[in-house]
C-alpha atoms as a PDB file:
ATOM      1  CA  UNK A   1      19.604  17.758 -23.889  1.00  0.00           C
ATOM      2  CA  UNK A   2      19.585  16.194 -20.444  1.00  0.00           C
ATOM      3  CA  UNK A   3      16.404  15.377 -18.591  1.00  0.00           C
ATOM      4  CA  UNK A   4      15.833  17.198 -15.295  1.00  0.00           C
ATOM      5  CA  UNK A   5      15.560  15.256 -12.086  1.00  0.00           C
ATOM      6  CA  UNK A   6      11.874  14.437 -11.686  1.00  0.00           C
ATOM      7  CA  UNK A   7       9.979  16.554  -9.181  1.00  0.00           C
ATOM      8  CA  UNK A   8      12.535  17.289  -6.497  1.00  0.00           C
ATOM      9  CA  UNK A   9      10.780  19.991  -4.488  1.00  0.00           C
ATOM     10  CA  UNK A  10      12.917  22.791  -3.085  1.00  0.00           C
ATOM     11  CA  UNK A  11      11.933  23.048   0.593  1.00  0.00           C
ATOM     12  CA  UNK A  12      11.328  26.355   2.381  1.00  0.00           C
ATOM     13  CA  UNK A  13      11.687  28.562  -0.675  1.00  0.00           C
ATOM     14  CA  UNK A  14      10.070  31.834   0.331  1.00  0.00           C
ATOM     15  CA  UNK A  15      11.413  33.951  -2.541  1.00  0.00           C
ATOM     16  CA  UNK A  16       9.193  34.357  -5.617  1.00  0.00           C
ATOM     17  CA  UNK A  17      11.231  34.381  -8.824  1.00  0.00           C
ATOM     18  CA  UNK A  18      10.289  36.463 -11.831  1.00  0.00           C
ATOM     19  CA  UNK A  19      11.716  38.845 -14.437  1.00  0.00           C
ATOM     20  CA  UNK A  20      12.605  41.474 -11.825  1.00  0.00           C
ATOM     21  CA  UNK A  21      13.746  39.295  -8.902  1.00  0.00           C
ATOM     22  CA  UNK A  22      17.466  39.820  -9.526  1.00  0.00           C
ATOM     23  CA  UNK A  23      18.375  36.174 -10.204  1.00  0.00           C
ATOM     24  CA  UNK A  24      19.652  34.998 -13.581  1.00  0.00           C
ATOM     25  CA  UNK A  25      16.948  33.571 -15.842  1.00  0.00           C
ATOM     26  CA  UNK A  26      17.994  30.389 -17.629  1.00  0.00           C
ATOM     27  CA  UNK A  27      15.835  29.230 -20.564  1.00  0.00           C
ATOM     28  CA  UNK A  28      15.349  25.465 -20.221  1.00  0.00           C
ATOM     29  CA  UNK A  29      13.133  23.620 -22.683  1.00  0.00           C
ATOM     30  CA  UNK A  30       9.527  24.714 -22.136  1.00  0.00           C
ATOM     31  CA  UNK A  31      10.159  26.770 -18.978  1.00  0.00           C
ATOM     32  CA  UNK A  32      12.554  29.208 -17.313  1.00  0.00           C
ATOM     33  CA  UNK A  33      14.852  28.270 -14.441  1.00  0.00           C
ATOM     34  CA  UNK A  34      16.258  30.782 -11.956  1.00  0.00           C
ATOM     35  CA  UNK A  35      19.837  30.503 -10.672  1.00  0.00           C
ATOM     36  CA  UNK A  36      19.693  30.904  -6.885  1.00  0.00           C
ATOM     37  CA  UNK A  37      21.995  29.684  -4.112  1.00  0.00           C
ATOM     38  CA  UNK A  38      24.174  27.683  -6.553  1.00  0.00           C
ATOM     39  CA  UNK A  39      21.371  25.676  -8.116  1.00  0.00           C
ATOM     40  CA  UNK A  40      18.385  26.128 -10.409  1.00  0.00           C
ATOM     41  CA  UNK A  41      14.747  26.528  -9.423  1.00  0.00           C
ATOM     42  CA  UNK A  42      11.626  26.277 -11.565  1.00  0.00           C
ATOM     43  CA  UNK A  43       8.018  27.062 -10.763  1.00  0.00           C
ATOM     44  CA  UNK A  44       5.770  24.019 -10.367  1.00  0.00           C
ATOM     45  CA  UNK A  45       2.135  24.296  -9.240  1.00  0.00           C
ATOM     46  CA  UNK A  46       2.268  26.174  -5.929  1.00  0.00           C
ATOM     47  CA  UNK A  47       5.943  25.551  -5.072  1.00  0.00           C
ATOM     48  CA  UNK A  48       9.479  25.581  -6.515  1.00  0.00           C
ATOM     49  CA  UNK A  49      11.372  22.528  -7.756  1.00  0.00           C
ATOM     50  CA  UNK A  50      15.057  21.913  -8.250  1.00  0.00           C
ATOM     51  CA  UNK A  51      15.774  21.687 -11.956  1.00  0.00           C
ATOM     52  CA  UNK A  52      19.029  19.838 -12.351  1.00  0.00           C
ATOM     53  CA  UNK A  53      20.319  17.545 -15.097  1.00  0.00           C
ATOM     54  CA  UNK A  54      19.493  13.900 -14.580  1.00  0.00           C
ATOM     55  CA  UNK A  55      22.392  12.533 -16.603  1.00  0.00           C
ATOM     56  CA  UNK A  56      25.776  13.366 -18.139  1.00  0.00           C
ATOM     57  CA  UNK A  57      25.333  14.661 -21.702  1.00  0.00           C
ATOM     58  CA  UNK A  58      28.416  15.813 -23.593  1.00  0.00           C
ATOM     59  CA  UNK A  59      27.863  18.696 -26.009  1.00  0.00           C
ATOM     60  CA  UNK A  60      28.894  17.438 -29.463  1.00  0.00           C
ATOM     61  CA  UNK A  61      30.918  19.907 -31.488  1.00  0.00           C
ATOM     62  CA  UNK A  62      31.610  22.822 -29.189  1.00  0.00           C
ATOM     63  CA  UNK A  63      34.727  24.669 -30.337  1.00  0.00           C
ATOM     64  CA  UNK A  64      34.128  27.793 -28.258  1.00  0.00           C
ATOM     65  CA  UNK A  65      36.014  27.993 -24.946  1.00  0.00           C
ATOM     66  CA  UNK A  66      33.930  29.669 -22.250  1.00  0.00           C
ATOM     67  CA  UNK A  67      35.521  31.872 -19.626  1.00  0.00           C
ATOM     68  CA  UNK A  68      35.440  35.278 -17.949  1.00  0.00           C
ATOM     69  CA  UNK A  69      35.593  37.234 -21.220  1.00  0.00           C
ATOM     70  CA  UNK A  70      33.728  34.928 -23.633  1.00  0.00           C
ATOM     71  CA  UNK A  71      30.595  37.089 -23.794  1.00  0.00           C
ATOM     72  CA  UNK A  72      28.174  34.457 -22.479  1.00  0.00           C
ATOM     73  CA  UNK A  73      26.492  34.922 -19.084  1.00  0.00           C
ATOM     74  CA  UNK A  74      27.948  32.771 -16.325  1.00  0.00           C
ATOM     75  CA  UNK A  75      25.812  31.035 -13.709  1.00  0.00           C
ATOM     76  CA  UNK A  76      27.326  29.614 -10.489  1.00  0.00           C
ATOM     77  CA  UNK A  77      26.133  26.025 -10.200  1.00  0.00           C
ATOM     78  CA  UNK A  78      27.243  23.886  -7.266  1.00  0.00           C
ATOM     79  CA  UNK A  79      31.035  23.461  -7.436  1.00  0.00           C
ATOM     80  CA  UNK A  80      31.467  24.908 -10.947  1.00  0.00           C
ATOM     81  CA  UNK A  81      30.259  27.607 -13.339  1.00  0.00           C
ATOM     82  CA  UNK A  82      27.846  27.068 -16.228  1.00  0.00           C
ATOM     83  CA  UNK A  83      27.687  29.343 -19.262  1.00  0.00           C
ATOM     84  CA  UNK A  84      24.410  30.215 -21.001  1.00  0.00           C
ATOM     85  CA  UNK A  85      24.817  29.521 -24.716  1.00  0.00           C
ATOM     86  CA  UNK A  86      22.327  28.705 -27.480  1.00  0.00           C
ATOM     87  CA  UNK A  87      19.407  28.325 -25.049  1.00  0.00           C
ATOM     88  CA  UNK A  88      21.072  25.928 -22.632  1.00  0.00           C
ATOM     89  CA  UNK A  89      23.923  25.741 -20.135  1.00  0.00           C
ATOM     90  CA  UNK A  90      27.403  24.471 -20.835  1.00  0.00           C
ATOM     91  CA  UNK A  91      29.716  23.227 -18.099  1.00  0.00           C
ATOM     92  CA  UNK A  92      33.363  22.249 -18.545  1.00  0.00           C
ATOM     93  CA  UNK A  93      33.931  18.562 -17.814  1.00  0.00           C
ATOM     94  CA  UNK A  94      37.079  16.465 -18.342  1.00  0.00           C
ATOM     95  CA  UNK A  95      38.247  18.186 -21.525  1.00  0.00           C
ATOM     96  CA  UNK A  96      34.813  18.737 -23.118  1.00  0.00           C
ATOM     97  CA  UNK A  97      31.616  20.742 -22.492  1.00  0.00           C
ATOM     98  CA  UNK A  98      28.455  19.198 -21.065  1.00  0.00           C
ATOM     99  CA  UNK A  99      24.911  20.304 -21.807  1.00  0.00           C
ATOM    100  CA  UNK A 100      22.887  21.022 -18.719  1.00  0.00           C
END
């Protein structure tokens, strides 16, 4: 799985995420990210950090094609859509699926 960008603080984030905040929860390793404004936030000390992949990691054998009716939750992410699957996010990329 890809490594998140190291400690990139999200400035002026006044919203407190949690189970009832209305934003999609995304399990990510040892924490939970929240999809908000086209990117992912994670709690860190007394502030929120961006939690984005630090590198391109292709998902090995992924035969399932994600889309509107695939049954996996979709999460808007920048200029594309990720799909929550098997505890991580998949994003379509040049004929394969990336792990985020």
